[in-house]
Protein backbone atom coordinates (compact mmCIF):
# COMPACT_ATOMS: atom_id res chain seq x y z
CA MET A 1 84.11 143.80 65.40
CA SER A 2 87.35 142.27 66.00
CA MET A 3 91.06 142.53 64.73
CA LYS A 4 93.95 140.10 65.05
CA LEU A 5 97.14 141.53 66.26
CA LYS A 6 100.68 139.61 65.91
CA ILE A 7 102.67 139.49 69.19
CA GLU A 8 106.21 138.70 68.36
CA PHE A 9 108.02 137.66 71.66
CA ASN A 10 111.74 137.00 71.90
CA GLY A 11 111.71 135.73 68.15
CA GLY A 12 108.44 133.58 68.10
CA GLN A 13 105.13 134.81 66.86
CA HIS A 14 101.71 134.34 68.47
CA HIS A 15 98.25 135.53 67.10
CA VAL A 16 95.39 137.12 69.30
CA GLU A 17 92.03 138.69 68.39
CA VAL A 18 90.55 141.26 70.27
CA SER A 19 87.58 143.80 69.98
CA ASN A 20 88.11 147.04 68.22
CA ASN A 21 87.66 148.98 71.07
CA ALA A 22 90.06 146.77 73.35
CA THR A 23 91.98 148.59 75.84
CA VAL A 24 96.01 147.65 76.56
CA SER A 25 94.65 145.91 79.75
CA ASP A 26 92.40 143.79 77.59
CA LEU A 27 95.43 142.68 75.45
CA LYS A 28 97.31 141.86 78.41
CA ILE A 29 94.53 139.71 79.75
CA LYS A 30 94.48 138.08 76.33
CA LEU A 31 98.04 137.34 76.58
CA SER A 32 98.13 136.23 80.65
CA ASN A 33 98.11 132.58 79.83
CA LEU A 34 101.54 133.07 78.08
CA ILE A 35 103.16 135.79 80.35
CA PRO A 36 101.83 136.85 83.53
CA ILE A 37 100.31 140.20 83.51
CA GLY A 38 102.60 141.65 86.14
CA ILE A 39 105.47 141.41 83.71
CA GLN A 40 104.10 142.52 80.82
CA ARG A 41 105.42 145.68 78.90
CA LEU A 42 103.98 146.15 75.32
CA GLU A 43 105.64 147.94 72.51
CA PHE A 44 104.06 149.21 69.42
CA ASP A 45 105.82 151.21 66.87
CA GLU A 46 109.02 151.77 69.16
CA GLU A 47 106.51 153.37 71.72
CA LEU A 48 106.58 151.79 75.16
CA VAL A 49 102.68 151.27 75.95
CA LEU A 50 102.03 151.66 79.58
CA GLU A 51 98.63 152.94 80.28
CA GLY A 52 96.37 149.96 80.38
CA GLY A 53 93.03 151.76 80.14
CA LYS A 54 93.81 153.35 76.75
CA THR A 55 92.45 151.52 74.16
CA LEU A 56 94.79 149.91 71.39
CA GLN A 57 93.07 152.40 68.55
CA SER A 58 94.21 155.28 70.99
CA TYR A 59 97.82 154.09 70.13
CA GLN A 60 96.57 153.61 66.62
CA ILE A 61 97.31 150.03 66.68
CA GLY A 62 94.97 148.36 64.24
CA ARG A 63 93.94 145.15 62.20
CA ASP A 64 97.08 142.93 61.42
CA ALA A 65 99.58 145.29 63.78
CA THR A 66 102.55 143.59 65.21
CA VAL A 67 102.99 144.27 69.07
CA LEU A 68 106.15 143.49 70.19
CA ARG A 69 107.35 141.87 73.67
CA GLN A 70 110.90 141.50 74.75
CA ILE A 71 111.39 140.17 78.40
CA TYR A 72 114.53 139.43 80.23
CA VAL A 73 115.29 137.55 83.36
CA ILE A 74 118.27 137.61 85.50
CA THR A 75 119.21 135.07 87.73
CA VAL A 76 120.83 136.38 90.97
CA GLN A 77 123.17 134.34 93.10
CA GLU A 78 124.99 135.09 96.26
CA PHE A 79 128.62 134.09 96.38
CA GLY A 80 128.81 131.24 98.79
CA LEU A 81 125.24 130.40 98.63
CA PRO A 82 125.19 128.45 95.65
CA HIS A 83 121.46 126.96 96.11
CA GLN A 84 119.99 130.62 96.79
CA LYS A 85 118.96 132.04 93.49
CA CYS A 86 115.88 134.42 92.51
CA GLY A 87 114.92 135.38 89.31
CA LEU A 88 114.31 139.34 88.38
CA VAL A 89 112.07 139.82 85.28
CA PHE A 90 113.19 143.11 83.67
CA HIS A 91 112.55 144.86 80.36
CA LYS A 92 115.18 146.23 78.13
CA ASP A 93 114.14 149.94 79.18
CA ASN A 94 115.26 149.24 82.91
CA THR A 95 118.48 150.72 84.01
CA ILE A 96 121.22 149.09 85.88
CA GLY A 97 120.03 151.37 88.43
CA ASP A 98 116.58 149.86 88.43
CA LEU A 99 118.01 146.49 88.86
CA LYS A 100 120.08 147.48 91.81
CA GLN A 101 117.11 148.83 93.59
CA MET A 102 114.92 145.59 92.92
CA LEU A 103 118.07 143.55 94.28
CA VAL A 104 118.14 145.74 97.56
CA LYS A 105 114.44 145.41 97.71
CA TYR A 106 114.63 141.63 98.03
CA GLY A 107 117.47 141.82 100.48
CA PHE A 108 120.47 141.14 98.54
CA ASP A 109 123.91 142.66 99.32
CA LEU A 110 125.10 144.17 96.04
CA ALA A 111 128.64 143.38 96.78
CA THR A 112 128.00 139.87 97.21
CA VAL A 113 125.75 139.07 93.83
CA ARG A 114 126.69 137.55 90.62
CA LEU A 115 123.95 138.30 87.71
CA THR A 116 123.37 136.18 84.72
CA LYS A 117 121.05 137.32 82.01
CA THR A 118 118.52 135.04 79.81
CA LYS A 119 115.72 135.51 78.05
CA PHE A 120 112.37 134.56 79.28
CA GLU A 121 110.72 131.46 77.48
CA ILE A 122 107.05 130.75 77.07
CA PRO A 123 106.67 127.28 78.40
């Protein structure tokens, strides 16, 4: 048997069908044509679903449930270098400290960057 889920994503809705015993990883694979797996974080009932090996049913996600997705992208631009930009993808639960760690990891000098937040859009 299978169940249909509604995915709410940055104001839009998408419907997917998965088996009753599907895992979080299975759902992420289904959504990968819309959102790269590496940046997916799924929310249900205001709980962040992190463990890909767990079944959707273990989170009490059943037929006609709504799974929320909210992804933001920060455009990073270093002062004096107008053509060098990079996008950092983050989730609303990431902290400023998390973002600073990402910037440092990619070699940005925190004293010379400007951040702009936008929502990730599905092509």
